[in-house]
Amino acid sequence: MTLRARTYAVLEMQGDTNTMARLVNIGLMLLILANVIAVILESVSALHAAYGPWFWWFEVVSVGIFTVEYLLRLWASVENPRFGDGSLGRLRYALTPMAVIDLLAIL
């Protein structure tokens, strides 16, 4: 199995990568939850004043992780026969509703 095929299998929870896929999926869900909590806490002015730089760095790291995940999904998307090969396949993936939502969340 190629690295791209394995990446696709992990991100899409397919094949024999079930344990790794679950860990990645759980990690991403926890990171999303942590970001929601951070946004809520940062809206409290006293917490923002005391921990503003920490909130900023958490956001920077989180956006970095979500960007890497998006790029990996884009790169590995051609493993799905539904999208096809090459740049056109990646463009087809990028235009799916979930990919658009992911990109908008990153931007």
N, C-alpha and C. Protein backbone atom coordinates (compact mmCIF):
# COMPACT_ATOMS: atom_id res chain seq x y z
N MET A 1 0.85 -1.18 0.00
CA MET A 1 0.00 0.00 0.00
C MET A 1 0.90 1.24 0.00
N THR A 2 0.60 2.16 -0.89
CA THR A 2 1.39 3.39 -0.98
C THR A 2 1.07 4.31 0.20
N LEU A 3 1.94 5.28 0.40
CA LEU A 3 1.72 6.25 1.48
C LEU A 3 0.42 7.01 1.24
N ARG A 4 0.16 7.37 -0.01
CA ARG A 4 -1.06 8.10 -0.32
C ARG A 4 -2.30 7.25 -0.05
N ALA A 5 -2.25 5.97 -0.42
CA ALA A 5 -3.38 5.07 -0.18
C ALA A 5 -3.59 4.86 1.32
N ARG A 6 -2.50 4.74 2.06
CA ARG A 6 -2.61 4.57 3.51
C ARG A 6 -3.18 5.84 4.15
N THR A 7 -2.72 6.99 3.70
CA THR A 7 -3.24 8.26 4.21
C THR A 7 -4.73 8.36 3.95
N TYR A 8 -5.14 8.01 2.74
CA TYR A 8 -6.57 8.03 2.41
C TYR A 8 -7.35 7.08 3.32
N ALA A 9 -6.82 5.89 3.51
CA ALA A 9 -7.51 4.89 4.35
C ALA A 9 -7.65 5.39 5.79
N VAL A 10 -6.62 6.03 6.31
CA VAL A 10 -6.69 6.54 7.68
C VAL A 10 -7.69 7.69 7.78
N LEU A 11 -7.61 8.63 6.86
CA LEU A 11 -8.50 9.78 6.92
C LEU A 11 -9.95 9.43 6.65
N GLU A 12 -10.18 8.41 5.85
CA GLU A 12 -11.54 8.02 5.51
C GLU A 12 -12.02 6.79 6.28
N MET A 13 -11.21 6.33 7.26
CA MET A 13 -11.54 5.19 8.11
C MET A 13 -11.89 3.95 7.29
N GLN A 14 -10.96 3.54 6.45
CA GLN A 14 -11.18 2.36 5.61
C GLN A 14 -10.08 1.34 5.82
N GLY A 15 -10.40 0.10 5.53
CA GLY A 15 -9.41 -0.96 5.50
C GLY A 15 -8.88 -1.34 6.87
N ASP A 16 -7.62 -1.76 6.90
CA ASP A 16 -6.99 -2.28 8.12
C ASP A 16 -6.40 -1.18 9.00
N THR A 17 -6.71 0.07 8.71
CA THR A 17 -6.16 1.20 9.46
C THR A 17 -7.12 1.67 10.53
N ASN A 18 -8.04 0.82 10.92
CA ASN A 18 -9.13 1.22 11.80
C ASN A 18 -8.66 1.87 13.10
N THR A 19 -7.66 1.30 13.78
CA THR A 19 -7.19 1.86 15.05
C THR A 19 -6.59 3.24 14.83
N MET A 20 -5.70 3.37 13.85
CA MET A 20 -5.09 4.67 13.56
C MET A 20 -6.15 5.66 13.12
N ALA A 21 -7.09 5.23 12.29
CA ALA A 21 -8.15 6.11 11.81
C ALA A 21 -9.00 6.62 12.97
N ARG A 22 -9.30 5.74 13.90
CA ARG A 22 -10.09 6.17 15.07
C ARG A 22 -9.33 7.18 15.91
N LEU A 23 -8.04 6.94 16.11
CA LEU A 23 -7.23 7.88 16.88
C LEU A 23 -7.18 9.25 16.21
N VAL A 24 -6.98 9.26 14.90
CA VAL A 24 -6.93 10.52 14.16
C VAL A 24 -8.28 11.22 14.26
N ASN A 25 -9.35 10.47 14.04
CA ASN A 25 -10.70 11.03 14.08
C ASN A 25 -11.03 11.59 15.47
N ILE A 26 -10.73 10.82 16.51
CA ILE A 26 -10.97 11.29 17.88
C ILE A 26 -10.13 12.52 18.18
N GLY A 27 -8.86 12.50 17.76
CA GLY A 27 -7.99 13.66 17.98
C GLY A 27 -8.52 14.91 17.32
N LEU A 28 -9.01 14.79 16.08
CA LEU A 28 -9.56 15.95 15.39
C LEU A 28 -10.84 16.45 16.06
N MET A 29 -11.68 15.52 16.50
CA MET A 29 -12.91 15.93 17.20
C MET A 29 -12.59 16.63 18.51
N LEU A 30 -11.61 16.12 19.25
CA LEU A 30 -11.22 16.77 20.51
C LEU A 30 -10.63 18.15 20.25
N LEU A 31 -9.86 18.28 19.17
CA LEU A 31 -9.30 19.59 18.83
C LEU A 31 -10.40 20.58 18.47
N ILE A 32 -11.40 20.13 17.74
CA ILE A 32 -12.54 21.00 17.41
C ILE A 32 -13.26 21.43 18.69
N LEU A 33 -13.51 20.47 19.57
CA LEU A 33 -14.17 20.78 20.85
C LEU A 33 -13.34 21.76 21.67
N ALA A 34 -12.03 21.53 21.73
CA ALA A 34 -11.15 22.43 22.48
C ALA A 34 -11.17 23.84 21.88
N ASN A 35 -11.28 23.95 20.56
CA ASN A 35 -11.34 25.26 19.93
C ASN A 35 -12.65 25.97 20.26
N VAL A 36 -13.74 25.24 20.30
CA VAL A 36 -15.03 25.84 20.67
C VAL A 36 -14.95 26.36 22.11
N ILE A 37 -14.40 25.55 23.00
CA ILE A 37 -14.26 25.97 24.40
C ILE A 37 -13.34 27.18 24.51
N ALA A 38 -12.24 27.18 23.75
CA ALA A 38 -11.31 28.31 23.80
C ALA A 38 -11.97 29.60 23.32
N VAL A 39 -12.79 29.52 22.27
CA VAL A 39 -13.48 30.71 21.78
C VAL A 39 -14.44 31.25 22.84
N ILE A 40 -15.13 30.34 23.49
CA ILE A 40 -16.07 30.75 24.55
C ILE A 40 -15.30 31.41 25.70
N LEU A 41 -14.23 30.76 26.14
CA LEU A 41 -13.45 31.31 27.26
C LEU A 41 -12.79 32.64 26.89
N GLU A 42 -12.33 32.74 25.65
CA GLU A 42 -11.66 33.97 25.23
C GLU A 42 -12.63 35.15 25.18
N SER A 43 -13.91 34.87 25.07
CA SER A 43 -14.89 35.95 25.04
C SER A 43 -15.08 36.60 26.41
N VAL A 44 -14.58 35.97 27.47
CA VAL A 44 -14.61 36.57 28.81
C VAL A 44 -13.41 37.52 28.89
N SER A 45 -13.69 38.79 29.08
CA SER A 45 -12.63 39.80 28.99
C SER A 45 -11.50 39.57 29.98
N ALA A 46 -11.81 39.12 31.19
CA ALA A 46 -10.75 38.88 32.18
C ALA A 46 -9.84 37.74 31.73
N LEU A 47 -10.42 36.70 31.16
CA LEU A 47 -9.60 35.58 30.67
C LEU A 47 -8.80 35.99 29.45
N HIS A 48 -9.43 36.78 28.59
CA HIS A 48 -8.70 37.26 27.41
C HIS A 48 -7.51 38.12 27.81
N ALA A 49 -7.73 38.99 28.80
CA ALA A 49 -6.64 39.85 29.26
C ALA A 49 -5.51 39.04 29.88
N ALA A 50 -5.85 38.00 30.61
CA ALA A 50 -4.83 37.21 31.31
C ALA A 50 -4.15 36.19 30.40
N TYR A 51 -4.90 35.62 29.47
CA TYR A 51 -4.37 34.50 28.67
C TYR A 51 -4.43 34.74 27.17
N GLY A 52 -4.57 35.97 26.75
CA GLY A 52 -4.69 36.30 25.32
C GLY A 52 -3.64 35.65 24.44
N PRO A 53 -2.35 35.76 24.79
CA PRO A 53 -1.32 35.12 23.95
C PRO A 53 -1.47 33.59 23.87
N TRP A 54 -1.91 32.98 24.95
CA TRP A 54 -2.11 31.52 24.93
C TRP A 54 -3.24 31.14 23.99
N PHE A 55 -4.32 31.91 24.04
CA PHE A 55 -5.43 31.66 23.12
C PHE A 55 -4.96 31.83 21.68
N TRP A 56 -4.17 32.86 21.41
CA TRP A 56 -3.68 33.13 20.06
C TRP A 56 -2.82 31.97 19.56
N TRP A 57 -1.87 31.52 20.39
CA TRP A 57 -1.02 30.41 19.99
C TRP A 57 -1.80 29.11 19.80
N PHE A 58 -2.78 28.87 20.62
CA PHE A 58 -3.62 27.69 20.47
C PHE A 58 -4.34 27.73 19.13
N GLU A 59 -4.83 28.91 18.77
CA GLU A 59 -5.51 29.06 17.48
C GLU A 59 -4.54 28.85 16.31
N VAL A 60 -3.35 29.40 16.42
CA VAL A 60 -2.35 29.24 15.35
C VAL A 60 -2.00 27.77 15.15
N VAL A 61 -1.74 27.07 16.24
CA VAL A 61 -1.40 25.64 16.16
C VAL A 61 -2.58 24.84 15.61
N SER A 62 -3.77 25.15 16.07
CA SER A 62 -4.97 24.44 15.60
C SER A 62 -5.19 24.65 14.11
N VAL A 63 -5.08 25.87 13.66
CA VAL A 63 -5.25 26.15 12.23
C VAL A 63 -4.17 25.42 11.42
N GLY A 64 -2.97 25.34 11.96
CA GLY A 64 -1.91 24.59 11.29
C GLY A 64 -2.26 23.12 11.15
N ILE A 65 -2.77 22.54 12.22
CA ILE A 65 -3.16 21.11 12.19
C ILE A 65 -4.30 20.90 11.20
N PHE A 66 -5.30 21.77 11.23
CA PHE A 66 -6.44 21.63 10.32
C PHE A 66 -6.00 21.85 8.86
N THR A 67 -5.04 22.71 8.64
CA THR A 67 -4.52 22.94 7.29
C THR A 67 -3.80 21.70 6.77
N VAL A 68 -2.98 21.09 7.63
CA VAL A 68 -2.28 19.86 7.24
C VAL A 68 -3.30 18.76 6.92
N GLU A 69 -4.32 18.64 7.76
CA GLU A 69 -5.35 17.63 7.51
C GLU A 69 -6.03 17.87 6.17
N TYR A 70 -6.40 19.12 5.89
CA TYR A 70 -7.05 19.46 4.62
C TYR A 70 -6.14 19.12 3.43
N LEU A 71 -4.88 19.50 3.53
CA LEU A 71 -3.95 19.24 2.43
C LEU A 71 -3.73 17.74 2.23
N LEU A 72 -3.67 16.99 3.32
CA LEU A 72 -3.54 15.53 3.21
C LEU A 72 -4.78 14.92 2.56
N ARG A 73 -5.96 15.40 2.94
CA ARG A 73 -7.19 14.90 2.32
C ARG A 73 -7.21 15.24 0.82
N LEU A 74 -6.78 16.43 0.48
CA LEU A 74 -6.73 16.85 -0.92
C LEU A 74 -5.74 15.98 -1.70
N TRP A 75 -4.57 15.75 -1.13
CA TRP A 75 -3.55 14.93 -1.78
C TRP A 75 -4.01 13.50 -1.97
N ALA A 76 -4.66 12.93 -0.95
CA ALA A 76 -5.05 11.52 -0.99
C ALA A 76 -6.40 11.30 -1.67
N SER A 77 -7.12 12.35 -1.99
CA SER A 77 -8.47 12.20 -2.54
C SER A 77 -8.50 11.42 -3.84
N VAL A 78 -7.42 11.43 -4.60
CA VAL A 78 -7.40 10.72 -5.89
C VAL A 78 -7.40 9.20 -5.71
N GLU A 79 -7.25 8.73 -4.47
CA GLU A 79 -7.36 7.30 -4.21
C GLU A 79 -8.82 6.84 -4.30
N ASN A 80 -9.74 7.78 -4.22
CA ASN A 80 -11.15 7.46 -4.35
C ASN A 80 -11.52 7.51 -5.83
N PRO A 81 -11.95 6.39 -6.40
CA PRO A 81 -12.28 6.36 -7.83
C PRO A 81 -13.37 7.36 -8.23
N ARG A 82 -14.15 7.78 -7.28
CA ARG A 82 -15.23 8.75 -7.56
C ARG A 82 -14.67 10.08 -8.06
N PHE A 83 -13.47 10.45 -7.60
CA PHE A 83 -12.90 11.74 -7.99
C PHE A 83 -11.99 11.65 -9.20
N GLY A 84 -11.38 10.50 -9.44
CA GLY A 84 -10.47 10.35 -10.57
C GLY A 84 -9.05 10.75 -10.22
N ASP A 85 -8.19 10.72 -11.22
CA ASP A 85 -6.76 10.96 -11.00
C ASP A 85 -6.37 12.41 -11.22
N GLY A 86 -5.21 12.75 -10.68
CA GLY A 86 -4.56 14.02 -10.95
C GLY A 86 -5.26 15.24 -10.41
N SER A 87 -4.92 16.34 -11.02
CA SER A 87 -5.42 17.64 -10.55
C SER A 87 -6.93 17.76 -10.67
N LEU A 88 -7.48 17.19 -11.72
CA LEU A 88 -8.94 17.27 -11.90
C LEU A 88 -9.66 16.51 -10.79
N GLY A 89 -9.12 15.37 -10.39
CA GLY A 89 -9.70 14.60 -9.29
C GLY A 89 -9.64 15.38 -7.98
N ARG A 90 -8.53 16.03 -7.76
CA ARG A 90 -8.39 16.85 -6.54
C ARG A 90 -9.35 18.03 -6.57
N LEU A 91 -9.53 18.62 -7.74
CA LEU A 91 -10.48 19.73 -7.87
C LEU A 91 -11.90 19.24 -7.59
N ARG A 92 -12.24 18.05 -8.11
CA ARG A 92 -13.57 17.49 -7.83
C ARG A 92 -13.76 17.30 -6.32
N TYR A 93 -12.72 16.80 -5.65
CA TYR A 93 -12.82 16.65 -4.20
C TYR A 93 -12.96 18.02 -3.53
N ALA A 94 -12.15 18.98 -3.95
CA ALA A 94 -12.15 20.30 -3.31
C ALA A 94 -13.50 21.00 -3.43
N LEU A 95 -14.28 20.61 -4.42
CA LEU A 95 -15.59 21.23 -4.62
C LEU A 95 -16.72 20.50 -3.90
N THR A 96 -16.40 19.43 -3.17
CA THR A 96 -17.44 18.76 -2.39
C THR A 96 -17.83 19.64 -1.20
N PRO A 97 -19.05 19.53 -0.73
CA PRO A 97 -19.49 20.40 0.38
C PRO A 97 -18.58 20.35 1.62
N MET A 98 -18.18 19.16 2.04
CA MET A 98 -17.34 19.06 3.24
C MET A 98 -15.96 19.69 3.04
N ALA A 99 -15.39 19.53 1.85
CA ALA A 99 -14.09 20.13 1.56
C ALA A 99 -14.18 21.66 1.54
N VAL A 100 -15.28 22.17 0.99
CA VAL A 100 -15.49 23.62 0.95
C VAL A 100 -15.64 24.15 2.38
N ILE A 101 -16.41 23.45 3.19
CA ILE A 101 -16.59 23.86 4.60
C ILE A 101 -15.25 23.85 5.33
N ASP A 102 -14.47 22.79 5.13
CA ASP A 102 -13.14 22.72 5.76
C ASP A 102 -12.27 23.90 5.34
N LEU A 103 -12.25 24.18 4.04
CA LEU A 103 -11.42 25.28 3.55
C LEU A 103 -11.89 26.62 4.13
N LEU A 104 -13.20 26.84 4.16
CA LEU A 104 -13.70 28.09 4.73
C LEU A 104 -13.37 28.20 6.22
N ALA A 105 -13.44 27.10 6.94
CA ALA A 105 -13.09 27.12 8.37
C ALA A 105 -11.62 27.47 8.57
N ILE A 106 -10.76 26.99 7.70
CA ILE A 106 -9.33 27.30 7.80
C ILE A 106 -9.08 28.75 7.48
N LEU A 107 -9.72 29.22 6.40
CA LEU A 107 -9.49 30.61 5.98
C LEU A 107 -10.09 31.59 6.97
